Amino acid sequence: MKFNYSFFLFFISLFSISQTTHTINAGMYYYTPSNLTISQGDVVVWINDSGCHDVNGVINSITGEPFNNPEDFSSDITCESGVEIYTHTFNIIGSYSYD
């Protein structure tokens, strides 16, 4: 039986890529944590603690200026407590801002 090492190494590498899921809680006038360091490919999940919230990484809601993030992300508004507002996988390395 002939064994294909290149396929085996590729198959193993698929399972060795680690991805971390980070959770951010949003409430009245806060996101916790307010700063987060993630790795490329990590997933961020925003949870609504209370009030009506969205996740906006495109245009600053106060100034109207673009955030100029490496990639855009945004969600619809939800007012239901305890639910997921949005989930995003960050594929491009850089510094991101949102409100």
N, C-alpha and C. Protein backbone atom coordinates (compact mmCIF):
# COMPACT_ATOMS: atom_id res chain seq x y z
N MET A 1 0.85 -1.18 0.00
CA MET A 1 0.00 0.00 0.00
C MET A 1 0.89 1.24 0.00
N LYS A 2 0.64 2.12 -0.90
CA LYS A 2 1.42 3.36 -1.01
C LYS A 2 0.72 4.45 -0.20
N PHE A 3 1.48 5.16 0.62
CA PHE A 3 0.93 6.19 1.50
C PHE A 3 1.28 7.56 0.94
N ASN A 4 0.32 8.45 0.87
CA ASN A 4 0.53 9.79 0.33
C ASN A 4 0.79 10.74 1.49
N TYR A 5 2.06 11.06 1.74
CA TYR A 5 2.44 11.92 2.86
C TYR A 5 1.96 13.34 2.71
N SER A 6 1.97 13.89 1.50
CA SER A 6 1.55 15.28 1.32
C SER A 6 0.09 15.45 1.70
N PHE A 7 -0.76 14.51 1.35
CA PHE A 7 -2.16 14.59 1.74
C PHE A 7 -2.28 14.47 3.26
N PHE A 8 -1.52 13.58 3.86
CA PHE A 8 -1.55 13.38 5.30
C PHE A 8 -1.14 14.66 6.03
N LEU A 9 -0.08 15.30 5.58
CA LEU A 9 0.38 16.53 6.22
C LEU A 9 -0.65 17.64 6.05
N PHE A 10 -1.26 17.73 4.86
CA PHE A 10 -2.30 18.72 4.64
C PHE A 10 -3.49 18.46 5.56
N PHE A 11 -3.88 17.21 5.67
CA PHE A 11 -5.01 16.83 6.52
C PHE A 11 -4.72 17.18 7.98
N ILE A 12 -3.54 16.89 8.46
CA ILE A 12 -3.15 17.22 9.83
C ILE A 12 -3.13 18.72 10.04
N SER A 13 -2.65 19.48 9.05
CA SER A 13 -2.57 20.94 9.20
C SER A 13 -3.95 21.56 9.31
N LEU A 14 -4.96 20.96 8.70
CA LEU A 14 -6.32 21.49 8.81
C LEU A 14 -6.80 21.46 10.25
N PHE A 15 -6.39 20.45 10.98
CA PHE A 15 -6.83 20.30 12.35
C PHE A 15 -5.93 21.02 13.35
N SER A 16 -4.76 21.47 12.91
CA SER A 16 -3.85 22.15 13.83
C SER A 16 -4.07 23.66 13.84
N ILE A 17 -4.90 24.18 12.94
CA ILE A 17 -5.19 25.61 12.91
C ILE A 17 -6.14 25.90 14.06
N SER A 18 -5.69 26.74 14.98
CA SER A 18 -6.55 27.02 16.13
C SER A 18 -7.35 28.29 15.89
N GLN A 19 -8.55 28.26 16.33
CA GLN A 19 -9.45 29.40 16.22
C GLN A 19 -10.07 29.59 17.59
N THR A 20 -10.07 30.81 18.08
CA THR A 20 -10.63 31.12 19.38
C THR A 20 -11.90 31.94 19.19
N THR A 21 -12.90 31.65 20.00
CA THR A 21 -14.12 32.44 19.99
C THR A 21 -14.11 33.34 21.22
N HIS A 22 -14.28 34.64 20.99
CA HIS A 22 -14.30 35.65 22.05
C HIS A 22 -15.73 36.18 22.18
N THR A 23 -16.14 36.45 23.41
CA THR A 23 -17.48 36.97 23.65
C THR A 23 -17.39 38.38 24.20
N ILE A 24 -18.19 39.28 23.64
CA ILE A 24 -18.29 40.66 24.12
C ILE A 24 -19.74 40.87 24.55
N ASN A 25 -19.92 41.36 25.77
CA ASN A 25 -21.25 41.68 26.26
C ASN A 25 -21.54 43.15 26.05
N ALA A 26 -22.74 43.45 25.55
CA ALA A 26 -23.16 44.84 25.29
C ALA A 26 -24.36 45.16 26.16
N GLY A 27 -24.30 46.33 26.79
CA GLY A 27 -25.40 46.81 27.61
C GLY A 27 -25.56 48.30 27.42
N MET A 28 -26.26 48.90 28.31
CA MET A 28 -26.49 50.34 28.22
C MET A 28 -25.17 51.08 28.39
N TYR A 29 -24.64 51.61 27.29
CA TYR A 29 -23.43 52.43 27.24
C TYR A 29 -22.15 51.65 27.53
N TYR A 30 -22.11 50.37 27.25
CA TYR A 30 -20.85 49.63 27.44
C TYR A 30 -20.75 48.44 26.50
N TYR A 31 -19.51 48.08 26.21
CA TYR A 31 -19.12 46.81 25.63
C TYR A 31 -18.06 46.26 26.57
N THR A 32 -18.18 45.00 26.99
CA THR A 32 -17.21 44.40 27.90
C THR A 32 -16.73 43.08 27.32
N PRO A 33 -15.43 42.93 27.08
CA PRO A 33 -14.38 43.91 27.32
C PRO A 33 -14.41 45.02 26.27
N SER A 34 -13.88 46.17 26.64
CA SER A 34 -13.88 47.31 25.73
C SER A 34 -12.72 47.23 24.74
N ASN A 35 -11.66 46.50 25.09
CA ASN A 35 -10.52 46.26 24.20
C ASN A 35 -10.27 44.77 24.14
N LEU A 36 -9.90 44.28 22.98
CA LEU A 36 -9.71 42.85 22.79
C LEU A 36 -8.60 42.63 21.78
N THR A 37 -7.71 41.72 22.08
CA THR A 37 -6.66 41.33 21.14
C THR A 37 -7.00 39.94 20.63
N ILE A 38 -7.11 39.82 19.33
CA ILE A 38 -7.46 38.54 18.72
C ILE A 38 -6.43 38.18 17.67
N SER A 39 -6.50 36.94 17.23
CA SER A 39 -5.63 36.46 16.16
C SER A 39 -6.44 36.34 14.88
N GLN A 40 -5.73 36.33 13.76
CA GLN A 40 -6.39 36.18 12.47
C GLN A 40 -7.19 34.88 12.48
N GLY A 41 -8.45 34.96 12.04
CA GLY A 41 -9.32 33.80 12.00
C GLY A 41 -10.16 33.61 13.25
N ASP A 42 -9.90 34.41 14.30
CA ASP A 42 -10.70 34.31 15.52
C ASP A 42 -12.11 34.83 15.28
N VAL A 43 -13.03 34.33 16.07
CA VAL A 43 -14.44 34.71 15.97
C VAL A 43 -14.79 35.57 17.18
N VAL A 44 -15.53 36.64 16.94
CA VAL A 44 -16.03 37.49 18.03
C VAL A 44 -17.55 37.42 18.00
N VAL A 45 -18.14 37.16 19.18
CA VAL A 45 -19.58 37.08 19.33
C VAL A 45 -20.01 38.18 20.29
N TRP A 46 -20.94 39.02 19.85
CA TRP A 46 -21.50 40.07 20.70
C TRP A 46 -22.83 39.58 21.27
N ILE A 47 -23.02 39.73 22.59
CA ILE A 47 -24.24 39.32 23.28
C ILE A 47 -24.92 40.56 23.85
N ASN A 48 -26.23 40.65 23.69
CA ASN A 48 -26.99 41.79 24.21
C ASN A 48 -27.39 41.52 25.66
N ASP A 49 -26.83 42.27 26.60
CA ASP A 49 -27.20 42.16 28.01
C ASP A 49 -28.53 42.84 28.29
N SER A 50 -28.72 44.01 27.70
CA SER A 50 -29.98 44.75 27.88
C SER A 50 -30.01 45.93 26.91
N GLY A 51 -31.19 46.44 26.64
CA GLY A 51 -31.34 47.58 25.73
C GLY A 51 -31.38 47.14 24.29
N CYS A 52 -31.29 48.11 23.39
CA CYS A 52 -31.28 47.86 21.95
C CYS A 52 -29.89 48.18 21.41
N HIS A 53 -29.29 47.20 20.73
CA HIS A 53 -27.91 47.37 20.27
C HIS A 53 -27.69 46.75 18.91
N ASP A 54 -26.70 47.29 18.22
CA ASP A 54 -26.17 46.69 17.01
C ASP A 54 -24.66 46.70 17.11
N VAL A 55 -24.00 46.14 16.15
CA VAL A 55 -22.54 46.20 16.05
C VAL A 55 -22.24 46.89 14.73
N ASN A 56 -21.48 47.99 14.80
CA ASN A 56 -21.25 48.82 13.64
C ASN A 56 -19.75 49.11 13.50
N GLY A 57 -19.14 48.46 12.52
CA GLY A 57 -17.73 48.70 12.25
C GLY A 57 -17.51 49.40 10.93
N VAL A 58 -18.51 50.19 10.49
CA VAL A 58 -18.42 50.85 9.19
C VAL A 58 -18.31 52.37 9.35
N ILE A 59 -19.34 53.00 9.89
CA ILE A 59 -19.40 54.46 10.05
C ILE A 59 -19.63 54.80 11.52
N ASN A 60 -18.82 55.68 12.08
CA ASN A 60 -18.98 56.12 13.46
C ASN A 60 -20.33 56.78 13.64
N SER A 61 -21.12 56.28 14.58
CA SER A 61 -22.49 56.78 14.79
C SER A 61 -22.52 58.21 15.32
N ILE A 62 -21.45 58.66 15.94
CA ILE A 62 -21.42 60.01 16.52
C ILE A 62 -20.87 61.03 15.52
N THR A 63 -19.75 60.69 14.89
CA THR A 63 -19.09 61.66 14.00
C THR A 63 -19.52 61.52 12.54
N GLY A 64 -20.05 60.38 12.15
CA GLY A 64 -20.40 60.14 10.76
C GLY A 64 -19.20 59.81 9.88
N GLU A 65 -18.02 59.74 10.47
CA GLU A 65 -16.79 59.43 9.73
C GLU A 65 -16.62 57.91 9.63
N PRO A 66 -16.02 57.44 8.53
CA PRO A 66 -15.79 56.00 8.41
C PRO A 66 -14.73 55.54 9.41
N PHE A 67 -14.89 54.31 9.89
CA PHE A 67 -13.89 53.73 10.79
C PHE A 67 -12.62 53.34 10.03
N ASN A 68 -12.73 53.10 8.73
CA ASN A 68 -11.60 52.66 7.90
C ASN A 68 -10.96 51.38 8.44
N ASN A 69 -11.78 50.45 8.89
CA ASN A 69 -11.28 49.17 9.34
C ASN A 69 -10.75 48.36 8.16
N PRO A 70 -9.84 47.43 8.42
CA PRO A 70 -9.34 46.58 7.33
C PRO A 70 -10.46 45.82 6.60
N GLU A 71 -11.52 45.46 7.31
CA GLU A 71 -12.70 44.86 6.70
C GLU A 71 -13.92 45.40 7.43
N ASP A 72 -15.02 45.58 6.69
CA ASP A 72 -16.25 46.10 7.28
C ASP A 72 -17.03 44.99 7.97
N PHE A 73 -17.77 45.36 9.01
CA PHE A 73 -18.69 44.43 9.67
C PHE A 73 -19.79 45.25 10.32
N SER A 74 -21.01 44.74 10.29
CA SER A 74 -22.13 45.43 10.92
C SER A 74 -23.28 44.45 11.09
N SER A 75 -24.20 44.83 11.97
CA SER A 75 -25.35 43.97 12.24
C SER A 75 -26.62 44.79 12.30
N ASP A 76 -27.73 44.10 12.30
CA ASP A 76 -29.01 44.73 12.55
C ASP A 76 -29.15 44.99 14.05
N ILE A 77 -30.09 45.83 14.43
CA ILE A 77 -30.36 46.13 15.84
C ILE A 77 -31.20 45.02 16.44
N THR A 78 -30.88 44.66 17.68
CA THR A 78 -31.72 43.75 18.45
C THR A 78 -32.02 44.38 19.79
N CYS A 79 -33.22 44.17 20.28
CA CYS A 79 -33.64 44.69 21.59
C CYS A 79 -33.93 43.56 22.57
N GLU A 80 -33.70 42.33 22.15
CA GLU A 80 -33.97 41.18 23.00
C GLU A 80 -32.75 40.89 23.87
N SER A 81 -32.93 40.85 25.18
CA SER A 81 -31.84 40.60 26.12
C SER A 81 -31.42 39.13 26.10
N GLY A 82 -30.11 38.93 26.25
CA GLY A 82 -29.56 37.59 26.34
C GLY A 82 -29.34 36.89 25.01
N VAL A 83 -29.53 37.59 23.91
CA VAL A 83 -29.35 36.97 22.60
C VAL A 83 -28.08 37.47 21.92
N GLU A 84 -27.68 36.74 20.91
CA GLU A 84 -26.52 37.13 20.11
C GLU A 84 -26.90 38.29 19.20
N ILE A 85 -26.11 39.35 19.28
CA ILE A 85 -26.32 40.49 18.39
C ILE A 85 -25.70 40.19 17.03
N TYR A 86 -24.47 39.65 17.07
CA TYR A 86 -23.72 39.48 15.83
C TYR A 86 -22.52 38.58 16.10
N THR A 87 -22.07 37.90 15.06
CA THR A 87 -20.85 37.10 15.09
C THR A 87 -20.04 37.44 13.85
N HIS A 88 -18.73 37.63 14.05
CA HIS A 88 -17.86 37.96 12.92
C HIS A 88 -16.53 37.23 13.06
N THR A 89 -16.05 36.66 11.98
CA THR A 89 -14.72 36.07 11.92
C THR A 89 -13.79 37.09 11.29
N PHE A 90 -12.73 37.46 12.01
CA PHE A 90 -11.79 38.47 11.54
C PHE A 90 -10.68 37.78 10.75
N ASN A 91 -10.67 38.01 9.44
CA ASN A 91 -9.72 37.36 8.55
C ASN A 91 -8.57 38.25 8.14
N ILE A 92 -8.70 39.55 8.33
CA ILE A 92 -7.65 40.48 7.91
C ILE A 92 -7.02 41.09 9.16
N ILE A 93 -5.71 41.01 9.24
CA ILE A 93 -4.96 41.54 10.39
C ILE A 93 -5.03 43.06 10.39
N GLY A 94 -5.18 43.65 11.58
CA GLY A 94 -5.20 45.09 11.72
C GLY A 94 -5.86 45.52 13.00
N SER A 95 -6.02 46.81 13.14
CA SER A 95 -6.69 47.40 14.29
C SER A 95 -8.10 47.81 13.88
N TYR A 96 -9.08 47.46 14.69
CA TYR A 96 -10.48 47.69 14.37
C TYR A 96 -11.14 48.57 15.43
N SER A 97 -12.05 49.41 14.98
CA SER A 97 -12.89 50.22 15.86
C SER A 97 -14.33 49.97 15.49
N TYR A 98 -15.23 50.14 16.46
CA TYR A 98 -16.65 49.97 16.19
C TYR A 98 -17.46 50.67 17.27
N ASP A 99 -18.74 50.85 17.01
CA ASP A 99 -19.66 51.32 18.05
C ASP A 99 -20.97 50.57 17.91
